[in-house]
Amino acid sequence: MAVFHTPMITLPDGNLIPQIGLGVLRIDDEGVTPVVESALEAGYRHIDGAAGYNNEAGVGRALQNAGFTQGENRKNLWVTTKLRDSEQGYDSARKAFDRQLDLLQLDYVDMYMLHWPTPFNWRSGETWKAFDEFRAEGRVRTLGVCNFLPEHLERLHKETGEYPAVNQIELHPTWQQREVVAYCKAHNIAVEAYSPMARGADLNAGDGVIERIARAHGVTEAQVILRWHIENGTIIIPKSVHADRQRQNLDLFGFVLSSAEHAAIDALDGPTRAGHDPMTFTYA
């Protein structure tokens, strides 16, 4: 079995993150263990989880079973988790993080993130104080946010004096969030894409354009879209519970999109998100 090695992205805080990670949303706690184990076997060294996914214990079992909770293996693995929105706030974040580390069976996580900005119940500034302490204690390496729009990033910076190292957002060919991406680039915030294929919907976008590009390169439609992200310098979090697709999602470096092909995917941008609106949604 081929083991793939992915490029590393240098974050603004100097840490190196593998450009491709495994997402574990909507996998139950028991089912996530073999999924993470197969990903680690295939060569994934970046696992993206969250308290809100209700499967951190299962992820922790996989890391323990595969020998990635300590030693050299742990040093070479990037683990992200996220605070549950209902646990935002200084005291509640302190308690939540301790619980999450125990579930993951880890001494530290590589990145801890605010999951949603919840502007209707904003507590990001006070929560960030706890996040900053976790970093100072050596229990978190990088601080990030998810789903933050420019106004939320501005408010966080005003309250804390800091921008996050990463903003993880819904990003795929039919929802490119160009204003958010441009703001992040202007403020040295790395962009990370979840739902990089719109949960599969974008495989059929553009009247067959993705299929035609895939056929030209002898690859899958999914690989075409993920390659487009890679060429944009975006960190990506594709999800698959199937070992063969996990390997395909890492195997993105044997072909290059032409400028015309890349532009054709750029042109698929549209007005409709596949997921939730950061102005109104909370992952309680």
C-alpha atoms as a PDB file:
ATOM      1  CA  MET A   1       0.000   0.000   0.000  1.00  0.00           C
ATOM      2  CA  ALA A   2       1.328   3.408  -0.965  1.00  0.00           C
ATOM      3  CA  VAL A   3       1.776   5.848   1.899  1.00  0.00           C
ATOM      4  CA  PHE A   4       1.423   9.442   0.791  1.00  0.00           C
ATOM      5  CA  HIS A   5       3.220  12.421   2.259  1.00  0.00           C
ATOM      6  CA  THR A   6       1.516  15.784   2.013  1.00  0.00           C
ATOM      7  CA  PRO A   7       3.063  19.243   1.777  1.00  0.00           C
ATOM      8  CA  MET A   8       3.342  21.374   4.888  1.00  0.00           C
ATOM      9  CA  ILE A   9       1.947  24.884   5.187  1.00  0.00           C
ATOM     10  CA  THR A  10       3.829  27.340   7.399  1.00  0.00           C
ATOM     11  CA  LEU A  11       1.350  29.134   9.652  1.00  0.00           C
ATOM     12  CA  PRO A  12       1.837  32.754  10.770  1.00  0.00           C
ATOM     13  CA  ASP A  13       2.876  31.529  14.227  1.00  0.00           C
ATOM     14  CA  GLY A  14       5.661  29.466  12.634  1.00  0.00           C
ATOM     15  CA  ASN A  15       4.065  26.054  13.113  1.00  0.00           C
ATOM     16  CA  LEU A  16       3.865  23.627  10.193  1.00  0.00           C
ATOM     17  CA  ILE A  17       0.506  22.033   9.357  1.00  0.00           C
ATOM     18  CA  PRO A  18      -0.026  19.241   6.806  1.00  0.00           C
ATOM     19  CA  GLN A  19      -2.009  20.721   3.919  1.00  0.00           C
ATOM     20  CA  ILE A  20      -4.423  17.768   3.803  1.00  0.00           C
ATOM     21  CA  GLY A  21      -6.278  16.531   6.873  1.00  0.00           C
ATOM     22  CA  LEU A  22      -9.023  14.033   7.608  1.00  0.00           C
ATOM     23  CA  GLY A  23     -12.383  15.421   8.700  1.00  0.00           C
ATOM     24  CA  VAL A  24     -14.490  13.343  11.103  1.00  0.00           C
ATOM     25  CA  LEU A  25     -17.827  15.185  11.102  1.00  0.00           C
ATOM     26  CA  ARG A  26     -20.949  12.983  11.198  1.00  0.00           C
ATOM     27  CA  ILE A  27     -19.166   9.781  12.184  1.00  0.00           C
ATOM     28  CA  ASP A  28     -20.350   8.250  15.447  1.00  0.00           C
ATOM     29  CA  ASP A  29     -17.966   7.651  18.323  1.00  0.00           C
ATOM     30  CA  GLU A  30     -17.650   3.925  17.722  1.00  0.00           C
ATOM     31  CA  GLY A  31     -17.388   4.208  13.959  1.00  0.00           C
ATOM     32  CA  VAL A  32     -14.741   6.924  13.939  1.00  0.00           C
ATOM     33  CA  THR A  33     -12.038   4.707  15.459  1.00  0.00           C
ATOM     34  CA  PRO A  34     -11.410   2.458  12.416  1.00  0.00           C
ATOM     35  CA  VAL A  35     -11.804   5.470  10.093  1.00  0.00           C
ATOM     36  CA  VAL A  36      -8.977   7.356  11.820  1.00  0.00           C
ATOM     37  CA  GLU A  37      -6.866   4.207  12.024  1.00  0.00           C
ATOM     38  CA  SER A  38      -7.154   3.596   8.262  1.00  0.00           C
ATOM     39  CA  ALA A  39      -6.303   7.240   7.566  1.00  0.00           C
ATOM     40  CA  LEU A  40      -3.173   7.061   9.696  1.00  0.00           C
ATOM     41  CA  GLU A  41      -2.173   3.876   7.875  1.00  0.00           C
ATOM     42  CA  ALA A  42      -2.630   5.624   4.519  1.00  0.00           C
ATOM     43  CA  GLY A  43      -0.327   8.448   5.587  1.00  0.00           C
ATOM     44  CA  TYR A  44      -2.613  11.135   6.991  1.00  0.00           C
ATOM     45  CA  ARG A  45      -0.820  13.151   9.637  1.00  0.00           C
ATOM     46  CA  HIS A  46      -3.573  15.698  10.263  1.00  0.00           C
ATOM     47  CA  ILE A  47      -6.856  14.852  12.010  1.00  0.00           C
ATOM     48  CA  ASP A  48      -9.540  17.549  12.318  1.00  0.00           C
ATOM     49  CA  GLY A  49     -12.112  16.979  15.072  1.00  0.00           C
ATOM     50  CA  ALA A  50     -14.392  18.894  17.412  1.00  0.00           C
ATOM     51  CA  ALA A  51     -16.267  18.519  20.672  1.00  0.00           C
ATOM     52  CA  GLY A  52     -19.455  19.146  18.714  1.00  0.00           C
ATOM     53  CA  TYR A  53     -18.910  16.011  16.634  1.00  0.00           C
ATOM     54  CA  ASN A  54     -19.396  13.890  19.778  1.00  0.00           C
ATOM     55  CA  ASN A  55     -16.651  11.463  18.793  1.00  0.00           C
ATOM     56  CA  GLU A  56     -13.476  12.683  20.494  1.00  0.00           C
ATOM     57  CA  ALA A  57     -13.260   9.519  22.592  1.00  0.00           C
ATOM     58  CA  GLY A  58     -13.327   7.433  19.425  1.00  0.00           C
ATOM     59  CA  VAL A  59     -10.603   9.551  17.874  1.00  0.00           C
ATOM     60  CA  GLY A  60      -8.576   9.127  21.052  1.00  0.00           C
ATOM     61  CA  ARG A  61      -8.953   5.349  20.893  1.00  0.00           C
ATOM     62  CA  ALA A  62      -7.687   5.354  17.316  1.00  0.00           C
ATOM     63  CA  LEU A  63      -4.659   7.469  18.229  1.00  0.00           C
ATOM     64  CA  GLN A  64      -3.888   5.169  21.151  1.00  0.00           C
ATOM     65  CA  ASN A  65      -4.385   1.988  19.121  1.00  0.00           C
ATOM     66  CA  ALA A  66      -2.133   3.247  16.326  1.00  0.00           C
ATOM     67  CA  GLY A  67       0.571   4.501  18.684  1.00  0.00           C
ATOM     68  CA  PHE A  68       0.152   8.222  17.990  1.00  0.00           C
ATOM     69  CA  THR A  69      -0.424   9.573  21.497  1.00  0.00           C
ATOM     70  CA  GLN A  70       3.248  10.011  22.391  1.00  0.00           C
ATOM     71  CA  GLY A  71       6.806   9.802  21.120  1.00  0.00           C
ATOM     72  CA  GLU A  72       7.951  10.481  17.577  1.00  0.00           C
ATOM     73  CA  ASN A  73       4.617   9.514  16.067  1.00  0.00           C
ATOM     74  CA  ARG A  74       2.892  12.166  18.163  1.00  0.00           C
ATOM     75  CA  LYS A  75       5.446  14.801  17.133  1.00  0.00           C
ATOM     76  CA  ASN A  76       4.691  14.071  13.484  1.00  0.00           C
ATOM     77  CA  LEU A  77       0.912  14.253  13.863  1.00  0.00           C
ATOM     78  CA  TRP A  78      -1.309  17.348  13.766  1.00  0.00           C
ATOM     79  CA  VAL A  79      -4.499  17.084  15.830  1.00  0.00           C
ATOM     80  CA  THR A  80      -7.111  19.828  15.772  1.00  0.00           C
ATOM     81  CA  THR A  81     -10.165  20.034  17.972  1.00  0.00           C
ATOM     82  CA  LYS A  82     -12.742  22.729  18.606  1.00  0.00           C
ATOM     83  CA  LEU A  83     -14.573  24.130  21.590  1.00  0.00           C
ATOM     84  CA  ARG A  84     -18.291  23.447  21.767  1.00  0.00           C
ATOM     85  CA  ASP A  85     -20.149  26.736  21.238  1.00  0.00           C
ATOM     86  CA  SER A  86     -22.227  26.297  24.393  1.00  0.00           C
ATOM     87  CA  GLU A  87     -18.966  26.128  26.364  1.00  0.00           C
ATOM     88  CA  GLN A  88     -17.586  29.456  25.173  1.00  0.00           C
ATOM     89  CA  GLY A  89     -16.519  31.753  27.997  1.00  0.00           C
ATOM     90  CA  TYR A  90     -13.383  31.763  30.131  1.00  0.00           C
ATOM     91  CA  ASP A  91     -14.308  29.344  32.933  1.00  0.00           C
ATOM     92  CA  SER A  92     -16.321  26.957  30.792  1.00  0.00           C
ATOM     93  CA  ALA A  93     -13.572  26.793  28.161  1.00  0.00           C
ATOM     94  CA  ARG A  94     -11.010  25.887  30.832  1.00  0.00           C
ATOM     95  CA  LYS A  95     -13.178  22.978  32.000  1.00  0.00           C
ATOM     96  CA  ALA A  96     -14.064  21.863  28.488  1.00  0.00           C
ATOM     97  CA  PHE A  97     -10.476  21.746  27.284  1.00  0.00           C
ATOM     98  CA  ASP A  98      -9.387  19.501  30.146  1.00  0.00           C
ATOM     99  CA  ARG A  99     -12.204  17.091  29.301  1.00  0.00           C
ATOM    100  CA  GLN A 100     -11.330  17.124  25.603  1.00  0.00           C
ATOM    101  CA  LEU A 101      -7.661  16.337  26.197  1.00  0.00           C
ATOM    102  CA  ASP A 102      -8.680  13.380  28.354  1.00  0.00           C
ATOM    103  CA  LEU A 103     -11.014  12.045  25.668  1.00  0.00           C
ATOM    104  CA  LEU A 104      -8.322  12.397  22.998  1.00  0.00           C
ATOM    105  CA  GLN A 105      -5.747  10.755  25.316  1.00  0.00           C
ATOM    106  CA  LEU A 106      -3.296  13.549  24.527  1.00  0.00           C
ATOM    107  CA  ASP A 107      -1.092  15.898  26.538  1.00  0.00           C
ATOM    108  CA  TYR A 108      -1.630  18.690  23.989  1.00  0.00           C
ATOM    109  CA  VAL A 109      -3.440  19.445  20.745  1.00  0.00           C
ATOM    110  CA  ASP A 110      -1.806  21.152  17.820  1.00  0.00           C
ATOM    111  CA  MET A 111      -4.707  23.511  17.207  1.00  0.00           C
ATOM    112  CA  TYR A 112      -7.690  24.548  19.324  1.00  0.00           C
ATOM    113  CA  MET A 113     -10.443  26.497  17.600  1.00  0.00           C
ATOM    114  CA  LEU A 114     -13.535  28.534  18.243  1.00  0.00           C
ATOM    115  CA  HIS A 115     -16.126  26.590  16.261  1.00  0.00           C
ATOM    116  CA  TRP A 116     -18.597  29.388  15.357  1.00  0.00           C
ATOM    117  CA  PRO A 117     -18.494  33.133  16.045  1.00  0.00           C
ATOM    118  CA  THR A 118     -22.046  33.232  17.479  1.00  0.00           C
ATOM    119  CA  PRO A 119     -22.343  37.022  16.997  1.00  0.00           C
ATOM    120  CA  PHE A 120     -25.782  36.911  18.643  1.00  0.00           C
ATOM    121  CA  ASN A 121     -24.086  35.674  21.851  1.00  0.00           C
ATOM    122  CA  TRP A 122     -20.506  36.874  21.395  1.00  0.00           C
ATOM    123  CA  ARG A 123     -18.013  35.494  23.907  1.00  0.00           C
ATOM    124  CA  SER A 124     -14.977  35.053  21.689  1.00  0.00           C
ATOM    125  CA  GLY A 125     -12.880  37.696  23.441  1.00  0.00           C
ATOM    126  CA  GLU A 126     -13.195  36.198  26.916  1.00  0.00           C
ATOM    127  CA  THR A 127     -12.857  32.675  25.518  1.00  0.00           C
ATOM    128  CA  TRP A 128      -9.625  33.678  23.786  1.00  0.00           C
ATOM    129  CA  LYS A 129      -8.113  34.521  27.184  1.00  0.00           C
ATOM    130  CA  ALA A 130      -8.431  30.864  28.137  1.00  0.00           C
ATOM    131  CA  PHE A 131      -7.092  29.825  24.722  1.00  0.00           C
ATOM    132  CA  ASP A 132      -4.061  32.045  25.218  1.00  0.00           C
ATOM    133  CA  GLU A 133      -3.400  30.405  28.587  1.00  0.00           C
ATOM    134  CA  PHE A 134      -3.576  26.919  27.042  1.00  0.00           C
ATOM    135  CA  ARG A 135      -0.943  28.009  24.547  1.00  0.00           C
ATOM    136  CA  ALA A 136       1.273  29.464  27.268  1.00  0.00           C
ATOM    137  CA  GLU A 137       0.936  26.204  29.216  1.00  0.00           C
ATOM    138  CA  GLY A 138       2.134  24.229  26.184  1.00  0.00           C
ATOM    139  CA  ARG A 139      -1.138  22.367  25.831  1.00  0.00           C
ATOM    140  CA  VAL A 140      -2.027  24.044  22.519  1.00  0.00           C
ATOM    141  CA  ARG A 141       0.401  25.030  19.779  1.00  0.00           C
ATOM    142  CA  THR A 142      -1.825  27.075  17.459  1.00  0.00           C
ATOM    143  CA  LEU A 143      -5.028  29.047  18.023  1.00  0.00           C
ATOM    144  CA  GLY A 144      -7.654  29.190  15.308  1.00  0.00           C
ATOM    145  CA  VAL A 145     -11.264  29.980  14.524  1.00  0.00           C
ATOM    146  CA  CYS A 146     -13.909  28.535  12.226  1.00  0.00           C
ATOM    147  CA  ASN A 147     -16.569  30.295  10.195  1.00  0.00           C
ATOM    148  CA  PHE A 148     -15.416  33.813  11.113  1.00  0.00           C
ATOM    149  CA  LEU A 149     -16.331  36.576   8.692  1.00  0.00           C
ATOM    150  CA  PRO A 150     -14.133  39.697   8.413  1.00  0.00           C
ATOM    151  CA  GLU A 151     -16.256  41.592  10.941  1.00  0.00           C
ATOM    152  CA  HIS A 152     -15.770  38.786  13.474  1.00  0.00           C
ATOM    153  CA  LEU A 153     -12.026  38.685  12.868  1.00  0.00           C
ATOM    154  CA  GLU A 154     -11.907  42.463  13.360  1.00  0.00           C
ATOM    155  CA  ARG A 155     -13.834  42.239  16.611  1.00  0.00           C
ATOM    156  CA  LEU A 156     -11.636  39.444  17.942  1.00  0.00           C
ATOM    157  CA  HIS A 157      -8.529  41.436  17.085  1.00  0.00           C
ATOM    158  CA  LYS A 158      -9.922  44.548  18.753  1.00  0.00           C
ATOM    159  CA  GLU A 159     -10.652  42.636  21.956  1.00  0.00           C
ATOM    160  CA  THR A 160      -7.504  40.484  22.108  1.00  0.00           C
ATOM    161  CA  GLY A 161      -4.884  42.246  19.988  1.00  0.00           C
ATOM    162  CA  GLU A 162      -4.440  39.060  17.972  1.00  0.00           C
ATOM    163  CA  TYR A 163      -5.640  37.455  14.783  1.00  0.00           C
ATOM    164  CA  PRO A 164      -6.046  33.669  14.706  1.00  0.00           C
ATOM    165  CA  ALA A 165      -3.440  31.690  12.812  1.00  0.00           C
ATOM    166  CA  VAL A 166      -6.147  29.834  10.866  1.00  0.00           C
ATOM    167  CA  ASN A 167      -9.726  30.481   9.782  1.00  0.00           C
ATOM    168  CA  GLN A 168     -11.499  27.263   8.799  1.00  0.00           C
ATOM    169  CA  ILE A 169     -14.436  28.057   6.517  1.00  0.00           C
ATOM    170  CA  GLU A 170     -16.830  26.403   4.108  1.00  0.00           C
ATOM    171  CA  LEU A 171     -14.977  26.715   0.826  1.00  0.00           C
ATOM    172  CA  HIS A 172     -15.474  24.885  -2.470  1.00  0.00           C
ATOM    173  CA  PRO A 173     -15.789  25.745  -6.172  1.00  0.00           C
ATOM    174  CA  THR A 174     -19.413  26.917  -5.953  1.00  0.00           C
ATOM    175  CA  TRP A 175     -18.871  28.874  -2.708  1.00  0.00           C
ATOM    176  CA  GLN A 176     -15.451  30.488  -2.799  1.00  0.00           C
ATOM    177  CA  GLN A 177     -15.928  33.244  -0.183  1.00  0.00           C
ATOM    178  CA  ARG A 178     -13.508  35.510  -1.988  1.00  0.00           C
ATOM    179  CA  GLU A 179     -13.969  38.478   0.349  1.00  0.00           C
ATOM    180  CA  VAL A 180     -13.262  36.328   3.413  1.00  0.00           C
ATOM    181  CA  VAL A 181     -10.238  34.730   1.736  1.00  0.00           C
ATOM    182  CA  ALA A 182      -8.880  38.110   0.659  1.00  0.00           C
ATOM    183  CA  TYR A 183      -9.274  39.488   4.192  1.00  0.00           C
ATOM    184  CA  CYS A 184      -7.475  36.476   5.651  1.00  0.00           C
ATOM    185  CA  LYS A 185      -4.598  36.787   3.205  1.00  0.00           C
ATOM    186  CA  ALA A 186      -4.291  40.509   3.904  1.00  0.00           C
ATOM    187  CA  HIS A 187      -4.026  39.803   7.638  1.00  0.00           C
ATOM    188  CA  ASN A 188      -1.751  36.754   7.396  1.00  0.00           C
ATOM    189  CA  ILE A 189      -4.428  34.262   8.437  1.00  0.00           C
ATOM    190  CA  ALA A 190      -4.191  30.816   6.825  1.00  0.00           C
ATOM    191  CA  VAL A 191      -7.371  29.603   5.121  1.00  0.00           C
ATOM    192  CA  GLU A 192      -8.575  26.075   5.764  1.00  0.00           C
ATOM    193  CA  ALA A 193     -11.472  24.574   3.773  1.00  0.00           C
ATOM    194  CA  TYR A 194     -14.080  22.252   5.163  1.00  0.00           C
ATOM    195  CA  SER A 195     -16.649  20.726   2.803  1.00  0.00           C
ATOM    196  CA  PRO A 196     -14.031  21.206   0.060  1.00  0.00           C
ATOM    197  CA  MET A 197     -16.327  19.424  -2.407  1.00  0.00           C
ATOM    198  CA  ALA A 198     -19.638  20.733  -0.986  1.00  0.00           C
ATOM    199  CA  ARG A 199     -20.317  17.272   0.449  1.00  0.00           C
ATOM    200  CA  GLY A 200     -20.018  15.878  -3.061  1.00  0.00           C
ATOM    201  CA  ALA A 201     -22.400  18.338  -4.734  1.00  0.00           C
ATOM    202  CA  ASP A 202     -19.619  20.164  -6.566  1.00  0.00           C
ATOM    203  CA  LEU A 203     -18.490  16.992  -8.331  1.00  0.00           C
ATOM    204  CA  ASN A 204     -21.277  17.677 -10.822  1.00  0.00           C
ATOM    205  CA  ALA A 205     -20.927  21.463 -10.933  1.00  0.00           C
ATOM    206  CA  GLY A 206     -20.562  23.415 -14.135  1.00  0.00           C
ATOM    207  CA  ASP A 207     -22.301  21.214 -16.680  1.00  0.00           C
ATOM    208  CA  GLY A 208     -19.656  18.496 -16.605  1.00  0.00           C
ATOM    209  CA  VAL A 209     -16.554  20.709 -16.429  1.00  0.00           C
ATOM    210  CA  ILE A 210     -15.090  18.787 -13.472  1.00  0.00           C
ATOM    211  CA  GLU A 211     -15.706  15.457 -15.211  1.00  0.00           C
ATOM    212  CA  ARG A 212     -14.000  16.646 -18.399  1.00  0.00           C
ATOM    213  CA  ILE A 213     -10.931  17.846 -16.508  1.00  0.00           C
ATOM    214  CA  ALA A 214     -10.783  14.577 -14.561  1.00  0.00           C
ATOM    215  CA  ARG A 215     -10.946  12.534 -17.755  1.00  0.00           C
ATOM    216  CA  ALA A 216      -8.155  14.578 -19.305  1.00  0.00           C
ATOM    217  CA  HIS A 217      -5.831  13.739 -16.397  1.00  0.00           C
ATOM    218  CA  GLY A 218      -7.007  10.191 -15.695  1.00  0.00           C
ATOM    219  CA  VAL A 219      -8.080  11.074 -12.149  1.00  0.00           C
ATOM    220  CA  THR A 220     -11.366  11.332 -10.254  1.00  0.00           C
ATOM    221  CA  GLU A 221     -13.594  14.387 -10.077  1.00  0.00           C
ATOM    222  CA  ALA A 222     -12.819  14.613  -6.358  1.00  0.00           C
ATOM    223  CA  GLN A 223      -9.087  14.689  -7.053  1.00  0.00           C
ATOM    224  CA  VAL A 224      -9.589  17.548  -9.532  1.00  0.00           C
ATOM    225  CA  ILE A 225     -11.390  19.690  -6.963  1.00  0.00           C
ATOM    226  CA  LEU A 226      -8.911  18.899  -4.208  1.00  0.00           C
ATOM    227  CA  ARG A 227      -6.010  19.647  -6.554  1.00  0.00           C
ATOM    228  CA  TRP A 228      -7.591  23.068  -7.282  1.00  0.00           C
ATOM    229  CA  HIS A 229      -7.577  23.777  -3.547  1.00  0.00           C
ATOM    230  CA  ILE A 230      -3.958  22.617  -3.231  1.00  0.00           C
ATOM    231  CA  GLU A 231      -2.877  24.933  -6.036  1.00  0.00           C
ATOM    232  CA  ASN A 232      -4.659  27.811  -4.272  1.00  0.00           C
ATOM    233  CA  GLY A 233      -2.538  27.184  -1.173  1.00  0.00           C
ATOM    234  CA  THR A 234      -5.580  26.237   0.902  1.00  0.00           C
ATOM    235  CA  ILE A 235      -5.445  23.710   3.743  1.00  0.00           C
ATOM    236  CA  ILE A 236      -8.144  21.106   3.071  1.00  0.00           C
ATOM    237  CA  ILE A 237     -10.167  18.761   5.259  1.00  0.00           C
ATOM    238  CA  PRO A 238     -11.807  16.148   3.013  1.00  0.00           C
ATOM    239  CA  LYS A 239     -13.832  13.478   4.782  1.00  0.00           C
ATOM    240  CA  SER A 240     -14.204   9.849   3.788  1.00  0.00           C
ATOM    241  CA  VAL A 241     -14.912   6.720   5.798  1.00  0.00           C
ATOM    242  CA  HIS A 242     -13.603   4.524   2.946  1.00  0.00           C
ATOM    243  CA  ALA A 243      -9.907   3.613   2.946  1.00  0.00           C
ATOM    244  CA  ASP A 244      -9.600   3.696  -0.849  1.00  0.00           C
ATOM    245  CA  ARG A 245     -11.088   7.184  -1.070  1.00  0.00           C
ATOM    246  CA  GLN A 246      -8.938   8.357   1.817  1.00  0.00           C
ATOM    247  CA  ARG A 247      -5.896   7.338  -0.227  1.00  0.00           C
ATOM    248  CA  GLN A 248      -7.254   9.017  -3.358  1.00  0.00           C
ATOM    249  CA  ASN A 249      -7.772  12.239  -1.420  1.00  0.00           C
ATOM    250  CA  LEU A 250      -4.062  12.256  -0.574  1.00  0.00           C
ATOM    251  CA  ASP A 251      -2.943  11.319  -4.086  1.00  0.00           C
ATOM    252  CA  LEU A 252      -3.054  14.799  -5.610  1.00  0.00           C
ATOM    253  CA  PHE A 253       0.520  15.383  -6.732  1.00  0.00           C
ATOM    254  CA  GLY A 254       0.845  13.375  -9.931  1.00  0.00           C
ATOM    255  CA  PHE A 255      -0.896  15.972 -12.081  1.00  0.00           C
ATOM    256  CA  VAL A 256      -1.212  19.740 -12.421  1.00  0.00           C
ATOM    257  CA  LEU A 257      -4.194  21.735 -13.640  1.00  0.00           C
ATOM    258  CA  SER A 258      -3.585  23.931 -16.653  1.00  0.00           C
ATOM    259  CA  SER A 259      -4.260  27.624 -16.243  1.00  0.00           C
ATOM    260  CA  ALA A 260      -7.411  27.214 -18.358  1.00  0.00           C
ATOM    261  CA  GLU A 261      -8.627  24.305 -16.216  1.00  0.00           C
ATOM    262  CA  HIS A 262      -7.961  26.215 -13.020  1.00  0.00           C
ATOM    263  CA  ALA A 263      -9.813  29.237 -14.388  1.00  0.00           C
ATOM    264  CA  ALA A 264     -12.759  27.049 -15.394  1.00  0.00           C
ATOM    265  CA  ILE A 265     -13.103  25.893 -11.780  1.00  0.00           C
ATOM    266  CA  ASP A 266     -12.713  29.479 -10.545  1.00  0.00           C
ATOM    267  CA  ALA A 267     -15.663  30.380 -12.774  1.00  0.00           C
ATOM    268  CA  LEU A 268     -17.967  27.951 -10.914  1.00  0.00           C
ATOM    269  CA  ASP A 269     -18.311  30.333  -7.965  1.00  0.00           C
ATOM    270  CA  GLY A 270     -21.929  30.899  -6.979  1.00  0.00           C
ATOM    271  CA  PRO A 271     -24.237  32.557  -4.439  1.00  0.00           C
ATOM    272  CA  THR A 272     -25.334  29.539  -2.388  1.00  0.00           C
ATOM    273  CA  ARG A 273     -23.561  27.932   0.552  1.00  0.00           C
ATOM    274  CA  ALA A 274     -23.991  24.225   1.279  1.00  0.00           C
ATOM    275  CA  GLY A 275     -23.730  24.601   5.038  1.00  0.00           C
ATOM    276  CA  HIS A 276     -24.775  27.019   7.770  1.00  0.00           C
ATOM    277  CA  ASP A 277     -24.746  30.804   8.031  1.00  0.00           C
ATOM    278  CA  PRO A 278     -22.159  32.058  10.573  1.00  0.00           C
ATOM    279  CA  MET A 279     -24.426  34.976  11.440  1.00  0.00           C
ATOM    280  CA  THR A 280     -27.175  32.738  12.788  1.00  0.00           C
ATOM    281  CA  PHE A 281     -25.811  29.251  13.482  1.00  0.00           C
ATOM    282  CA  THR A 282     -24.409  27.687  16.630  1.00  0.00           C
ATOM    283  CA  TYR A 283     -22.977  24.182  17.050  1.00  0.00           C
ATOM    284  CA  ALA A 284     -24.213  23.830  20.636  1.00  0.00           C
END
